[in-house]
Amino acid sequence: MKTTIELPDDLFLQAKRKALENRTTLRHLVERALRQELRGGKPAARRPRRIRWIMSPGGLPPGLDLSDRTEMWEWLELLLRDPLSRTSP
């Protein structure tokens, strides 16, 4: 159901910022807060977000040292210039 509510500007901006930080919508944030208030309980503990790893075959290019940032940047720049190049400089 749709409804309209009036909020003070500062509260609206804080809520909007909090929703962005939590990567959710203002609607979801308000709904959670309202349900929590009606339950009369404490806020539910947030579960940590799960990271979905995407793996691809092949591993690291031969000779690329991940502990050397300069070498990694050079390799990335080479890859950007020539995407078909799959070897380290």
C-alpha atoms as a PDB file:
ATOM      1  CA  MET A   1       0.000   0.000   0.000  1.00  0.00           C
ATOM      2  CA  LYS A   2       1.287   3.439  -0.847  1.00  0.00           C
ATOM      3  CA  THR A   3       1.178   6.308   1.606  1.00  0.00           C
ATOM      4  CA  THR A   4       2.716   9.719   2.012  1.00  0.00           C
ATOM      5  CA  ILE A   5       4.528  10.844   5.130  1.00  0.00           C
ATOM      6  CA  GLU A   6       6.158  14.164   5.943  1.00  0.00           C
ATOM      7  CA  LEU A   7       9.612  14.070   7.479  1.00  0.00           C
ATOM      8  CA  PRO A   8      11.915  16.846   8.612  1.00  0.00           C
ATOM      9  CA  ASP A   9      14.552  17.494   5.929  1.00  0.00           C
ATOM     10  CA  ASP A  10      17.457  16.494   8.161  1.00  0.00           C
ATOM     11  CA  LEU A  11      15.806  13.177   9.106  1.00  0.00           C
ATOM     12  CA  PHE A  12      15.024  12.401   5.467  1.00  0.00           C
ATOM     13  CA  LEU A  13      18.635  13.114   4.430  1.00  0.00           C
ATOM     14  CA  GLN A  14      20.022  10.967   7.260  1.00  0.00           C
ATOM     15  CA  ALA A  15      17.689   8.112   6.330  1.00  0.00           C
ATOM     16  CA  LYS A  16      18.545   8.395   2.626  1.00  0.00           C
ATOM     17  CA  ARG A  17      22.279   8.399   3.442  1.00  0.00           C
ATOM     18  CA  LYS A  18      21.872   5.355   5.724  1.00  0.00           C
ATOM     19  CA  ALA A  19      19.978   3.486   3.006  1.00  0.00           C
ATOM     20  CA  LEU A  20      22.767   4.234   0.513  1.00  0.00           C
ATOM     21  CA  GLU A  21      25.442   3.094   2.976  1.00  0.00           C
ATOM     22  CA  ASN A  22      23.542  -0.163   3.506  1.00  0.00           C
ATOM     23  CA  ARG A  23      22.904  -0.570  -0.229  1.00  0.00           C
ATOM     24  CA  THR A  24      19.186  -0.739   0.290  1.00  0.00           C
ATOM     25  CA  THR A  25      16.189   1.431  -0.485  1.00  0.00           C
ATOM     26  CA  LEU A  26      14.631   4.087   1.679  1.00  0.00           C
ATOM     27  CA  ARG A  27      11.426   2.055   1.551  1.00  0.00           C
ATOM     28  CA  HIS A  28      13.191  -1.014   2.971  1.00  0.00           C
ATOM     29  CA  LEU A  29      14.889   1.051   5.687  1.00  0.00           C
ATOM     30  CA  VAL A  30      11.595   2.649   6.776  1.00  0.00           C
ATOM     31  CA  GLU A  31       9.793  -0.707   6.665  1.00  0.00           C
ATOM     32  CA  ARG A  32      12.442  -2.352   8.880  1.00  0.00           C
ATOM     33  CA  ALA A  33      12.379   0.526  11.355  1.00  0.00           C
ATOM     34  CA  LEU A  34       8.585   0.495  11.545  1.00  0.00           C
ATOM     35  CA  ARG A  35       8.439  -3.292  12.058  1.00  0.00           C
ATOM     36  CA  GLN A  36      11.081  -3.020  14.777  1.00  0.00           C
ATOM     37  CA  GLU A  37       9.156  -0.230  16.507  1.00  0.00           C
ATOM     38  CA  LEU A  38       5.907  -2.206  16.385  1.00  0.00           C
ATOM     39  CA  ARG A  39       7.642  -5.309  17.789  1.00  0.00           C
ATOM     40  CA  GLY A  40       9.051  -3.203  20.600  1.00  0.00           C
ATOM     41  CA  GLY A  41      12.316  -5.071  20.365  1.00  0.00           C
ATOM     42  CA  LYS A  42      15.915  -4.325  19.722  1.00  0.00           C
ATOM     43  CA  PRO A  43      17.212  -4.078  16.166  1.00  0.00           C
ATOM     44  CA  ALA A  44      17.947  -7.421  14.569  1.00  0.00           C
ATOM     45  CA  ALA A  45      21.613  -8.212  14.224  1.00  0.00           C
ATOM     46  CA  ARG A  46      22.733  -7.678  10.668  1.00  0.00           C
ATOM     47  CA  ARG A  47      24.246 -10.641   8.942  1.00  0.00           C
ATOM     48  CA  PRO A  48      27.489  -9.922   7.175  1.00  0.00           C
ATOM     49  CA  ARG A  49      27.094  -9.854   3.422  1.00  0.00           C
ATOM     50  CA  ARG A  50      28.340 -12.935   1.656  1.00  0.00           C
ATOM     51  CA  ILE A  51      30.901 -12.416  -1.051  1.00  0.00           C
ATOM     52  CA  ARG A  52      30.227 -14.399  -4.187  1.00  0.00           C
ATOM     53  CA  TRP A  53      33.597 -15.233  -5.651  1.00  0.00           C
ATOM     54  CA  ILE A  54      33.835 -15.688  -9.383  1.00  0.00           C
ATOM     55  CA  MET A  55      36.664 -17.967 -10.357  1.00  0.00           C
ATOM     56  CA  SER A  56      38.154 -18.488 -13.752  1.00  0.00           C
ATOM     57  CA  PRO A  57      40.637 -21.086 -14.899  1.00  0.00           C
ATOM     58  CA  GLY A  58      44.218 -20.227 -15.656  1.00  0.00           C
ATOM     59  CA  GLY A  59      45.653 -18.683 -12.497  1.00  0.00           C
ATOM     60  CA  LEU A  60      48.266 -15.928 -12.542  1.00  0.00           C
ATOM     61  CA  PRO A  61      50.281 -15.076 -15.612  1.00  0.00           C
ATOM     62  CA  PRO A  62      53.741 -16.656 -15.503  1.00  0.00           C
ATOM     63  CA  GLY A  63      56.278 -14.444 -13.775  1.00  0.00           C
ATOM     64  CA  LEU A  64      53.795 -11.908 -12.371  1.00  0.00           C
ATOM     65  CA  ASP A  65      54.728 -11.041  -8.783  1.00  0.00           C
ATOM     66  CA  LEU A  66      51.667  -9.841  -6.853  1.00  0.00           C
ATOM     67  CA  SER A  67      53.841  -8.381  -4.106  1.00  0.00           C
ATOM     68  CA  ASP A  68      55.340  -5.878  -6.590  1.00  0.00           C
ATOM     69  CA  ARG A  69      52.750  -3.159  -7.227  1.00  0.00           C
ATOM     70  CA  THR A  70      54.778  -1.490  -9.937  1.00  0.00           C
ATOM     71  CA  GLU A  71      54.985  -4.731 -11.886  1.00  0.00           C
ATOM     72  CA  MET A  72      51.249  -5.336 -11.448  1.00  0.00           C
ATOM     73  CA  TRP A  73      50.399  -1.825 -12.753  1.00  0.00           C
ATOM     74  CA  GLU A  74      52.720  -2.293 -15.721  1.00  0.00           C
ATOM     75  CA  TRP A  75      51.038  -5.624 -16.483  1.00  0.00           C
ATOM     76  CA  LEU A  76      47.556  -4.065 -16.218  1.00  0.00           C
ATOM     77  CA  GLU A  77      48.535  -1.155 -18.466  1.00  0.00           C
ATOM     78  CA  LEU A  78      49.932  -3.589 -21.028  1.00  0.00           C
ATOM     79  CA  LEU A  79      46.699  -5.593 -20.848  1.00  0.00           C
ATOM     80  CA  LEU A  80      44.639  -2.430 -21.395  1.00  0.00           C
ATOM     81  CA  ARG A  81      46.730  -1.473 -24.436  1.00  0.00           C
ATOM     82  CA  ASP A  82      46.721  -5.004 -25.866  1.00  0.00           C
ATOM     83  CA  PRO A  83      43.857  -7.095 -24.418  1.00  0.00           C
ATOM     84  CA  LEU A  84      45.032 -10.207 -26.278  1.00  0.00           C
ATOM     85  CA  SER A  85      48.379 -10.087 -24.488  1.00  0.00           C
ATOM     86  CA  ARG A  86      48.232 -12.573 -21.601  1.00  0.00           C
ATOM     87  CA  THR A  87      51.852 -12.583 -20.491  1.00  0.00           C
ATOM     88  CA  SER A  88      53.593 -10.358 -17.993  1.00  0.00           C
ATOM     89  CA  PRO A  89      56.024  -7.686 -19.271  1.00  0.00           C
END
